[in-house]
């Protein structure tokens, strides 16, 4: 419905503490389904979960970023949205 009204949707798979990324079957199952959904729907996906930027010092618990981590993620999201907007501009014909 949102896409039909012109709203651009993106998926964000957030970072988590390194000890929760590995050997966590539920998280792996969720991520597999999430990535398949993004792929089959054609919705852009920002995977912050694979970034090496997020050391454990950026978390207040296993899944929630502290202020410094939130700033990094916000900058990544902004850059991702800007790159999508630039792709849209390049793909659009220029009208005279």
PDB file of N, CA and C in Angstrom:
ATOM      1  N   UNK A   1       0.826  -1.195   0.000  1.00  0.00           N
ATOM      2  CA  UNK A   1       0.000   0.000   0.000  1.00  0.00           C
ATOM      3  C   UNK A   1       0.874   1.264   0.000  1.00  0.00           C
ATOM      4  N   UNK A   2       1.885   1.265   0.824  1.00  0.00           N
ATOM      5  CA  UNK A   2       2.754   2.449   0.872  1.00  0.00           C
ATOM      6  C   UNK A   2       3.461   2.671  -0.452  1.00  0.00           C
ATOM      7  N   UNK A   3       3.984   1.583  -1.029  1.00  0.00           N
ATOM      8  CA  UNK A   3       4.677   1.714  -2.305  1.00  0.00           C
ATOM      9  C   UNK A   3       3.729   2.180  -3.395  1.00  0.00           C
ATOM     10  N   UNK A   4       2.496   1.736  -3.350  1.00  0.00           N
ATOM     11  CA  UNK A   4       1.505   2.139  -4.341  1.00  0.00           C
ATOM     12  C   UNK A   4       1.239   3.641  -4.266  1.00  0.00           C
ATOM     13  N   UNK A   5       1.463   4.228  -3.107  1.00  0.00           N
ATOM     14  CA  UNK A   5       1.255   5.668  -2.926  1.00  0.00           C
ATOM     15  C   UNK A   5       2.543   6.463  -3.099  1.00  0.00           C
ATOM     16  N   UNK A   6       3.607   5.777  -3.561  1.00  0.00           N
ATOM     17  CA  UNK A   6       4.852   6.472  -3.849  1.00  0.00           C
ATOM     18  C   UNK A   6       5.844   6.537  -2.706  1.00  0.00           C
ATOM     19  N   UNK A   7       5.561   5.873  -1.611  1.00  0.00           N
ATOM     20  CA  UNK A   7       6.479   5.870  -0.476  1.00  0.00           C
ATOM     21  C   UNK A   7       7.584   4.853  -0.721  1.00  0.00           C
ATOM     22  N   UNK A   8       8.815   5.275  -0.539  1.00  0.00           N
ATOM     23  CA  UNK A   8       9.966   4.380  -0.722  1.00  0.00           C
ATOM     24  C   UNK A   8      10.218   3.641   0.578  1.00  0.00           C
ATOM     25  N   UNK A   9      10.295   2.342   0.516  1.00  0.00           N
ATOM     26  CA  UNK A   9      10.512   1.509   1.695  1.00  0.00           C
ATOM     27  C   UNK A   9      11.928   0.943   1.634  1.00  0.00           C
ATOM     28  N   UNK A  10      12.582   0.913   2.788  1.00  0.00           N
ATOM     29  CA  UNK A  10      13.868   0.227   2.890  1.00  0.00           C
ATOM     30  C   UNK A  10      13.806  -0.695   4.102  1.00  0.00           C
ATOM     31  N   UNK A  11      14.588  -1.753   4.051  1.00  0.00           N
ATOM     32  CA  UNK A  11      14.748  -2.645   5.191  1.00  0.00           C
ATOM     33  C   UNK A  11      16.095  -2.355   5.830  1.00  0.00           C
ATOM     34  N   UNK A  12      16.117  -2.408   7.152  1.00  0.00           N
ATOM     35  CA  UNK A  12      17.356  -2.260   7.912  1.00  0.00           C
ATOM     36  C   UNK A  12      17.487  -3.470   8.814  1.00  0.00           C
ATOM     37  N   UNK A  13      18.575  -4.208   8.659  1.00  0.00           N
ATOM     38  CA  UNK A  13      18.868  -5.281   9.597  1.00  0.00           C
ATOM     39  C   UNK A  13      19.923  -4.731  10.533  1.00  0.00           C
ATOM     40  N   UNK A  14      19.557  -4.501  11.800  1.00  0.00           N
ATOM     41  CA  UNK A  14      20.422  -3.754  12.720  1.00  0.00           C
ATOM     42  C   UNK A  14      21.608  -4.568  13.234  1.00  0.00           C
ATOM     43  N   UNK A  15      22.582  -3.858  13.765  1.00  0.00           N
ATOM     44  CA  UNK A  15      23.729  -4.543  14.356  1.00  0.00           C
ATOM     45  C   UNK A  15      23.339  -5.187  15.686  1.00  0.00           C
ATOM     46  N   UNK A  16      24.132  -6.137  16.110  1.00  0.00           N
ATOM     47  CA  UNK A  16      23.983  -6.728  17.438  1.00  0.00           C
ATOM     48  C   UNK A  16      25.380  -7.020  17.965  1.00  0.00           C
ATOM     49  N   UNK A  17      25.458  -7.237  19.260  1.00  0.00           N
ATOM     50  CA  UNK A  17      26.747  -7.548  19.864  1.00  0.00           C
ATOM     51  C   UNK A  17      27.343  -8.790  19.231  1.00  0.00           C
ATOM     52  N   UNK A  18      28.636  -8.808  19.069  1.00  0.00           N
ATOM     53  CA  UNK A  18      29.301  -9.905  18.361  1.00  0.00           C
ATOM     54  C   UNK A  18      28.991 -11.268  18.968  1.00  0.00           C
ATOM     55  N   UNK A  19      28.840 -11.349  20.269  1.00  0.00           N
ATOM     56  CA  UNK A  19      28.561 -12.646  20.891  1.00  0.00           C
ATOM     57  C   UNK A  19      27.144 -13.130  20.584  1.00  0.00           C
ATOM     58  N   UNK A  20      26.273 -12.268  20.117  1.00  0.00           N
ATOM     59  CA  UNK A  20      24.911 -12.665  19.778  1.00  0.00           C
ATOM     60  C   UNK A  20      24.761 -12.997  18.302  1.00  0.00           C
ATOM     61  N   UNK A  21      25.716 -12.566  17.485  1.00  0.00           N
ATOM     62  CA  UNK A  21      25.646 -12.840  16.044  1.00  0.00           C
ATOM     63  C   UNK A  21      25.992 -14.287  15.734  1.00  0.00           C
ATOM     64  N   UNK A  22      26.933 -14.811  16.453  1.00  0.00           N
ATOM     65  CA  UNK A  22      27.426 -16.160  16.175  1.00  0.00           C
ATOM     66  C   UNK A  22      26.680 -17.163  17.054  1.00  0.00           C
ATOM     67  N   UNK A  23      26.464 -18.312  16.511  1.00  0.00           N
ATOM     68  CA  UNK A  23      25.861 -19.417  17.265  1.00  0.00           C
ATOM     69  C   UNK A  23      24.497 -19.070  17.855  1.00  0.00           C
ATOM     70  N   UNK A  24      23.756 -18.192  17.192  1.00  0.00           N
ATOM     71  CA  UNK A  24      22.412 -17.870  17.643  1.00  0.00           C
ATOM     72  C   UNK A  24      21.444 -18.327  16.551  1.00  0.00           C
ATOM     73  N   UNK A  25      20.902 -19.520  16.728  1.00  0.00           N
ATOM     74  CA  UNK A  25      20.059 -20.113  15.694  1.00  0.00           C
ATOM     75  C   UNK A  25      18.829 -19.283  15.381  1.00  0.00           C
ATOM     76  N   UNK A  26      18.192 -18.712  16.398  1.00  0.00           N
ATOM     77  CA  UNK A  26      16.992 -17.901  16.156  1.00  0.00           C
ATOM     78  C   UNK A  26      17.328 -16.663  15.345  1.00  0.00           C
ATOM     79  N   UNK A  27      18.419 -16.020  15.672  1.00  0.00           N
ATOM     80  CA  UNK A  27      18.828 -14.829  14.933  1.00  0.00           C
ATOM     81  C   UNK A  27      19.194 -15.184  13.502  1.00  0.00           C
ATOM     82  N   UNK A  28      19.866 -16.308  13.307  1.00  0.00           N
ATOM     83  CA  UNK A  28      20.219 -16.736  11.956  1.00  0.00           C
ATOM     84  C   UNK A  28      18.979 -17.078  11.139  1.00  0.00           C
ATOM     85  N   UNK A  29      18.006 -17.737  11.760  1.00  0.00           N
ATOM     86  CA  UNK A  29      16.768 -18.079  11.071  1.00  0.00           C
ATOM     87  C   UNK A  29      16.002 -16.813  10.692  1.00  0.00           C
ATOM     88  N   UNK A  30      15.893 -15.884  11.622  1.00  0.00           N
ATOM     89  CA  UNK A  30      15.220 -14.619  11.354  1.00  0.00           C
ATOM     90  C   UNK A  30      15.910 -13.864  10.231  1.00  0.00           C
ATOM     91  N   UNK A  31      17.221 -13.792  10.278  1.00  0.00           N
ATOM     92  CA  UNK A  31      17.944 -13.043   9.253  1.00  0.00           C
ATOM     93  C   UNK A  31      17.789 -13.694   7.882  1.00  0.00           C
ATOM     94  N   UNK A  32      17.786 -15.013   7.821  1.00  0.00           N
ATOM     95  CA  UNK A  32      17.599 -15.707   6.543  1.00  0.00           C
ATOM     96  C   UNK A  32      16.250 -15.354   5.931  1.00  0.00           C
ATOM     97  N   UNK A  33      15.202 -15.404   6.726  1.00  0.00           N
ATOM     98  CA  UNK A  33      13.869 -15.055   6.224  1.00  0.00           C
ATOM     99  C   UNK A  33      13.793 -13.585   5.825  1.00  0.00           C
ATOM    100  N   UNK A  34      14.393 -12.738   6.620  1.00  0.00           N
ATOM    101  CA  UNK A  34      14.385 -11.303   6.356  1.00  0.00           C
ATOM    102  C   UNK A  34      15.092 -10.983   5.043  1.00  0.00           C
ATOM    103  N   UNK A  35      16.250 -11.593   4.821  1.00  0.00           N
ATOM    104  CA  UNK A  35      17.014 -11.335   3.604  1.00  0.00           C
ATOM    105  C   UNK A  35      16.290 -11.871   2.376  1.00  0.00           C
ATOM    106  N   UNK A  36      15.634 -13.013   2.518  1.00  0.00           N
ATOM    107  CA  UNK A  36      14.853 -13.558   1.405  1.00  0.00           C
ATOM    108  C   UNK A  36      13.688 -12.636   1.062  1.00  0.00           C
ATOM    109  N   UNK A  37      13.022 -12.102   2.066  1.00  0.00           N
ATOM    110  CA  UNK A  37      11.918 -11.179   1.841  1.00  0.00           C
ATOM    111  C   UNK A  37      12.400  -9.932   1.106  1.00  0.00           C
ATOM    112  N   UNK A  38      13.510  -9.385   1.533  1.00  0.00           N
ATOM    113  CA  UNK A  38      14.053  -8.200   0.869  1.00  0.00           C
ATOM    114  C   UNK A  38      14.410  -8.514  -0.579  1.00  0.00           C
ATOM    115  N   UNK A  39      15.009  -9.657  -0.806  1.00  0.00           N
ATOM    116  CA  UNK A  39      15.423 -10.043  -2.154  1.00  0.00           C
ATOM    117  C   UNK A  39      14.234 -10.258  -3.079  1.00  0.00           C
ATOM    118  N   UNK A  40      13.238 -10.984  -2.610  1.00  0.00           N
ATOM    119  CA  UNK A  40      12.093 -11.298  -3.471  1.00  0.00           C
ATOM    120  C   UNK A  40      11.181 -10.102  -3.693  1.00  0.00           C
ATOM    121  N   UNK A  41      11.172  -9.162  -2.758  1.00  0.00           N
ATOM    122  CA  UNK A  41      10.290  -8.000  -2.891  1.00  0.00           C
ATOM    123  C   UNK A  41      10.958  -6.845  -3.629  1.00  0.00           C
ATOM    124  N   UNK A  42      12.289  -6.910  -3.790  1.00  0.00           N
ATOM    125  CA  UNK A  42      13.007  -5.834  -4.457  1.00  0.00           C
ATOM    126  C   UNK A  42      13.174  -4.591  -3.595  1.00  0.00           C
ATOM    127  N   UNK A  43      12.963  -4.749  -2.304  1.00  0.00           N
ATOM    128  CA  UNK A  43      13.110  -3.616  -1.388  1.00  0.00           C
ATOM    129  C   UNK A  43      14.578  -3.522  -0.968  1.00  0.00           C
ATOM    130  N   UNK A  44      15.177  -2.334  -1.067  1.00  0.00           N
ATOM    131  CA  UNK A  44      16.585  -2.171  -0.686  1.00  0.00           C
ATOM    132  C   UNK A  44      16.815  -2.556   0.776  1.00  0.00           C
ATOM    133  N   UNK A  45      17.956  -3.170   1.040  1.00  0.00           N
ATOM    134  CA  UNK A  45      18.291  -3.661   2.375  1.00  0.00           C
ATOM    135  C   UNK A  45      19.631  -3.097   2.819  1.00  0.00           C
ATOM    136  N   UNK A  46      19.632  -2.474   3.972  1.00  0.00           N
ATOM    137  CA  UNK A  46      20.870  -2.025   4.606  1.00  0.00           C
ATOM    138  C   UNK A  46      21.198  -3.032   5.700  1.00  0.00           C
ATOM    139  N   UNK A  47      22.332  -3.716   5.524  1.00  0.00           N
ATOM    140  CA  UNK A  47      22.753  -4.713   6.499  1.00  0.00           C
ATOM    141  C   UNK A  47      23.813  -4.126   7.418  1.00  0.00           C
ATOM    142  N   UNK A  48      23.370  -3.614   8.542  1.00  0.00           N
ATOM    143  CA  UNK A  48      24.303  -3.092   9.531  1.00  0.00           C
ATOM    144  C   UNK A  48      24.851  -4.217  10.401  1.00  0.00           C
ATOM    145  N   UNK A  49      24.251  -5.389  10.285  1.00  0.00           N
ATOM    146  CA  UNK A  49      24.688  -6.530  11.100  1.00  0.00           C
ATOM    147  C   UNK A  49      26.046  -7.073  10.697  1.00  0.00           C
ATOM    148  N   UNK A  50      26.487  -6.776   9.498  1.00  0.00           N
ATOM    149  CA  UNK A  50      27.771  -7.297   9.028  1.00  0.00           C
ATOM    150  C   UNK A  50      28.907  -6.282   9.165  1.00  0.00           C
ATOM    151  N   UNK A  51      28.593  -5.100   9.654  1.00  0.00           N
ATOM    152  CA  UNK A  51      29.597  -4.050   9.773  1.00  0.00           C
ATOM    153  C   UNK A  51      30.556  -4.341  10.927  1.00  0.00           C
ATOM    154  N   UNK A  52      31.834  -4.185  10.662  1.00  0.00           N
ATOM    155  CA  UNK A  52      32.842  -4.374  11.708  1.00  0.00           C
ATOM    156  C   UNK A  52      32.999  -3.123  12.572  1.00  0.00           C
ATOM    157  N   UNK A  53      32.274  -2.079  12.256  1.00  0.00           N
ATOM    158  CA  UNK A  53      32.344  -0.819  12.994  1.00  0.00           C
ATOM    159  C   UNK A  53      31.815  -0.976  14.418  1.00  0.00           C
ATOM    160  N   UNK A  54      30.841  -1.853  14.603  1.00  0.00           N
ATOM    161  CA  UNK A  54      30.135  -1.941  15.874  1.00  0.00           C
ATOM    162  C   UNK A  54      30.802  -2.902  16.851  1.00  0.00           C
ATOM    163  N   UNK A  55      31.784  -2.391  17.570  1.00  0.00           N
ATOM    164  CA  UNK A  55      32.389  -3.195  18.632  1.00  0.00           C
ATOM    165  C   UNK A  55      31.415  -3.242  19.808  1.00  0.00           C
ATOM    166  N   UNK A  56      31.663  -4.130  20.730  1.00  0.00           N
ATOM    167  CA  UNK A  56      30.769  -4.284  21.875  1.00  0.00           C
ATOM    168  C   UNK A  56      30.636  -3.002  22.697  1.00  0.00           C
ATOM    169  N   UNK A  57      31.611  -2.115  22.591  1.00  0.00           N
ATOM    170  CA  UNK A  57      31.552  -0.864  23.358  1.00  0.00           C
ATOM    171  C   UNK A  57      30.441   0.074  22.878  1.00  0.00           C
ATOM    172  N   UNK A  58      29.842  -0.212  21.725  1.00  0.00           N
ATOM    173  CA  UNK A  58      28.765   0.627  21.207  1.00  0.00           C
ATOM    174  C   UNK A  58      27.368   0.153  21.624  1.00  0.00           C
ATOM    175  N   UNK A  59      27.296  -0.836  22.513  1.00  0.00           N
ATOM    176  CA  UNK A  59      26.012  -1.397  22.922  1.00  0.00           C
ATOM    177  C   UNK A  59      25.758  -1.191  24.407  1.00  0.00           C
ATOM    178  N   UNK A  60      24.481  -0.978  24.751  1.00  0.00           N
ATOM    179  CA  UNK A  60      24.108  -0.926  26.167  1.00  0.00           C
ATOM    180  C   UNK A  60      23.644  -2.301  26.652  1.00  0.00           C
ATOM    181  N   UNK A  61      23.252  -3.149  25.709  1.00  0.00           N
ATOM    182  CA  UNK A  61      22.950  -4.551  25.987  1.00  0.00           C
ATOM    183  C   UNK A  61      23.240  -5.328  24.701  1.00  0.00           C
ATOM    184  N   UNK A  62      22.709  -6.504  24.543  1.00  0.00           N
ATOM    185  CA  UNK A  62      23.071  -7.317  23.378  1.00  0.00           C
ATOM    186  C   UNK A  62      22.561  -6.773  22.045  1.00  0.00           C
ATOM    187  N   UNK A  63      21.493  -5.992  22.066  1.00  0.00           N
ATOM    188  CA  UNK A  63      20.892  -5.562  20.806  1.00  0.00           C
ATOM    189  C   UNK A  63      20.669  -4.051  20.678  1.00  0.00           C
ATOM    190  N   UNK A  64      20.846  -3.291  21.745  1.00  0.00           N
ATOM    191  CA  UNK A  64      20.549  -1.853  21.705  1.00  0.00           C
ATOM    192  C   UNK A  64      21.834  -1.039  21.752  1.00  0.00           C
ATOM    193  N   UNK A  65      21.936  -0.120  20.806  1.00  0.00           N
ATOM    194  CA  UNK A  65      23.113   0.738  20.711  1.00  0.00           C
ATOM    195  C   UNK A  65      23.080   1.840  21.764  1.00  0.00           C
ATOM    196  N   UNK A  66      24.261   2.248  22.205  1.00  0.00           N
ATOM    197  CA  UNK A  66      24.351   3.422  23.065  1.00  0.00           C
ATOM    198  C   UNK A  66      24.357   4.670  22.165  1.00  0.00           C
ATOM    199  N   UNK A  67      24.548   5.829  22.750  1.00  0.00           N
ATOM    200  CA  UNK A  67      24.483   7.075  21.973  1.00  0.00           C
ATOM    201  C   UNK A  67      25.521   7.105  20.848  1.00  0.00           C
ATOM    202  N   UNK A  68      26.734   6.704  21.138  1.00  0.00           N
ATOM    203  CA  UNK A  68      27.782   6.719  20.108  1.00  0.00           C
ATOM    204  C   UNK A  68      27.448   5.741  18.986  1.00  0.00           C
ATOM    205  N   UNK A  69      26.976   4.556  19.332  1.00  0.00           N
ATOM    206  CA  UNK A  69      26.591   3.578  18.324  1.00  0.00           C
ATOM    207  C   UNK A  69      25.411   4.050  17.492  1.00  0.00           C
ATOM    208  N   UNK A  70      24.471   4.720  18.148  1.00  0.00           N
ATOM    209  CA  UNK A  70      23.301   5.246  17.434  1.00  0.00           C
ATOM    210  C   UNK A  70      23.689   6.315  16.421  1.00  0.00           C
ATOM    211  N   UNK A  71      24.676   7.107  16.773  1.00  0.00           N
ATOM    212  CA  UNK A  71      25.145   8.133  15.824  1.00  0.00           C
ATOM    213  C   UNK A  71      25.768   7.495  14.584  1.00  0.00           C
ATOM    214  N   UNK A  72      26.526   6.447  14.793  1.00  0.00           N
ATOM    215  CA  UNK A  72      27.148   5.746  13.663  1.00  0.00           C
ATOM    216  C   UNK A  72      26.071   5.131  12.777  1.00  0.00           C
ATOM    217  N   UNK A  73      25.099   4.454  13.398  1.00  0.00           N
ATOM    218  CA  UNK A  73      24.027   3.835  12.623  1.00  0.00           C
ATOM    219  C   UNK A  73      23.219   4.897  11.872  1.00  0.00           C
ATOM    220  N   UNK A  74      22.933   6.009  12.524  1.00  0.00           N
ATOM    221  CA  UNK A  74      22.183   7.089  11.861  1.00  0.00           C
ATOM    222  C   UNK A  74      22.928   7.606  10.643  1.00  0.00           C
ATOM    223  N   UNK A  75      24.237   7.740  10.759  1.00  0.00           N
ATOM    224  CA  UNK A  75      25.044   8.195   9.615  1.00  0.00           C
ATOM    225  C   UNK A  75      25.007   7.160   8.488  1.00  0.00           C
ATOM    226  N   UNK A  76      25.044   5.864   8.832  1.00  0.00           N
ATOM    227  CA  UNK A  76      24.966   4.825   7.812  1.00  0.00           C
ATOM    228  C   UNK A  76      23.610   4.842   7.103  1.00  0.00           C
ATOM    229  N   UNK A  77      22.544   5.007   7.877  1.00  0.00           N
ATOM    230  CA  UNK A  77      21.204   5.052   7.287  1.00  0.00           C
ATOM    231  C   UNK A  77      21.078   6.257   6.363  1.00  0.00           C
ATOM    232  N   UNK A  78      21.560   7.410   6.799  1.00  0.00           N
ATOM    233  CA  UNK A  78      21.496   8.620   5.969  1.00  0.00           C
ATOM    234  C   UNK A  78      22.272   8.430   4.672  1.00  0.00           C
ATOM    235  N   UNK A  79      23.462   7.860   4.763  1.00  0.00           N
ATOM    236  CA  UNK A  79      24.267   7.631   3.556  1.00  0.00           C
ATOM    237  C   UNK A  79      23.572   6.642   2.622  1.00  0.00           C
ATOM    238  N   UNK A  80      22.937   5.614   3.191  1.00  0.00           N
ATOM    239  CA  UNK A  80      22.221   4.622   2.382  1.00  0.00           C
ATOM    240  C   UNK A  80      21.047   5.274   1.652  1.00  0.00           C
ATOM    241  N   UNK A  81      20.276   6.078   2.361  1.00  0.00           N
ATOM    242  CA  UNK A  81      19.131   6.767   1.746  1.00  0.00           C
ATOM    243  C   UNK A  81      19.615   7.730   0.669  1.00  0.00           C
ATOM    244  N   UNK A  82      20.693   8.456   0.940  1.00  0.00           N
ATOM    245  CA  UNK A  82      21.245   9.372  -0.066  1.00  0.00           C
ATOM    246  C   UNK A  82      21.712   8.626  -1.311  1.00  0.00           C
ATOM    247  N   UNK A  83      22.315   7.446  -1.118  1.00  0.00           N
ATOM    248  CA  UNK A  83      22.771   6.680  -2.285  1.00  0.00           C
ATOM    249  C   UNK A  83      21.580   6.203  -3.112  1.00  0.00           C
ATOM    250  N   UNK A  84      20.491   5.830  -2.458  1.00  0.00           N
ATOM    251  CA  UNK A  84      19.282   5.441  -3.187  1.00  0.00           C
ATOM    252  C   UNK A  84      18.695   6.623  -3.944  1.00  0.00           C
ATOM    253  N   UNK A  85      18.692   7.786  -3.307  1.00  0.00           N
ATOM    254  CA  UNK A  85      18.173   8.992  -3.963  1.00  0.00           C
ATOM    255  C   UNK A  85      19.027   9.346  -5.173  1.00  0.00           C
ATOM    256  N   UNK A  86      20.340   9.194  -5.056  1.00  0.00           N
ATOM    257  CA  UNK A  86      21.230   9.473  -6.190  1.00  0.00           C
ATOM    258  C   UNK A  86      21.006   8.477  -7.320  1.00  0.00           C
ATOM    259  N   UNK A  87      20.763   7.210  -6.976  1.00  0.00           N
ATOM    260  CA  UNK A  87      20.441   6.213  -8.015  1.00  0.00           C
ATOM    261  C   UNK A  87      19.154   6.599  -8.735  1.00  0.00           C
ATOM    262  N   UNK A  88      18.159   7.047  -7.973  1.00  0.00           N
ATOM    263  CA  UNK A  88      16.893   7.463  -8.579  1.00  0.00           C
ATOM    264  C   UNK A  88      17.092   8.627  -9.526  1.00  0.00           C
ATOM    265  N   UNK A  89      17.937   9.589  -9.125  1.00  0.00           N
ATOM    266  CA  UNK A  89      18.192  10.759  -9.985  1.00  0.00           C
ATOM    267  C   UNK A  89      18.886  10.345 -11.274  1.00  0.00           C
ATOM    268  N   UNK A  90      19.827   9.420 -11.169  1.00  0.00           N
ATOM    269  CA  UNK A  90      20.560   8.964 -12.355  1.00  0.00           C
ATOM    270  C   UNK A  90      19.676   8.152 -13.277  1.00  0.00           C
ATOM    271  N   UNK A  91      18.706   7.450 -12.713  1.00  0.00           N
ATOM    272  CA  UNK A  91      17.828   6.606 -13.503  1.00  0.00           C
ATOM    273  C   UNK A  91      16.681   7.408 -14.167  1.00  0.00           C
ATOM    274  N   UNK A  92      16.394   8.568 -13.623  1.00  0.00           N
ATOM    275  CA  UNK A  92      15.295   9.376 -14.146  1.00  0.00           C
ATOM    276  C   UNK A  92      15.754  10.161 -15.369  1.00  0.00           C
ATOM    277  N   UNK A  93      14.930  10.181 -16.405  1.00  0.00           N
ATOM    278  CA  UNK A  93      15.281  11.003 -17.579  1.00  0.00           C
ATOM    279  C   UNK A  93      15.230  12.487 -17.222  1.00  0.00           C
ATOM    280  N   UNK A  94      16.119  13.224 -17.809  1.00  0.00           N
ATOM    281  CA  UNK A  94      16.153  14.672 -17.564  1.00  0.00           C
ATOM    282  C   UNK A  94      15.174  15.329 -18.523  1.00  0.00           C
ATOM    283  N   UNK A  95      14.289  16.113 -17.939  1.00  0.00           N
ATOM    284  CA  UNK A  95      13.318  16.806 -18.786  1.00  0.00           C
ATOM    285  C   UNK A  95      13.790  18.218 -19.061  1.00  0.00           C
ATOM    286  N   UNK A  96      13.558  18.674 -20.262  1.00  0.00           N
ATOM    287  CA  UNK A  96      13.989  20.025 -20.641  1.00  0.00           C
ATOM    288  C   UNK A  96      12.824  20.964 -20.597  1.00  0.00           C
TER     289      UNK A  96
END
